[in-house]
């Protein structure tokens, strides 16, 4: 089992920055890929960013150039640095982890992930 706990959400003005953290505990040795997802009110959950065990990253088009995902293996933590935030970035952000292999299609749907955090709210005011 893997436990994931997000932190770092909050209220920020448009153009500002936030850094989200996701700490993992439990069977962390089994984790291959970690990701960030978000769900805005009235919208479906969407993939924001992925980072593999080897450090390869993948981003949603809507956040490319503004968000950066990184990992600190010594701390078992993944970060999401969010810059130039826009009101449309307002959502609950969820951390996720995969212990099995999956396709990008599965990761985009979310069913490629095996463990989820409870989420942290990010609100961007205009």
Foldseek 3Di string as FASTA:
>chain_A
DKAKAKDWADEEAAQAKIKMKIFMDDPLVLWFKKFKWWDDVPGDIFTAKMAGPVGDMDGDPVQPPFWDWDDDVVRNMIMIIGGRDDQVVWTWMKMFTARDDDDVVCVGNPVRTDDIYPTDTHGYHD
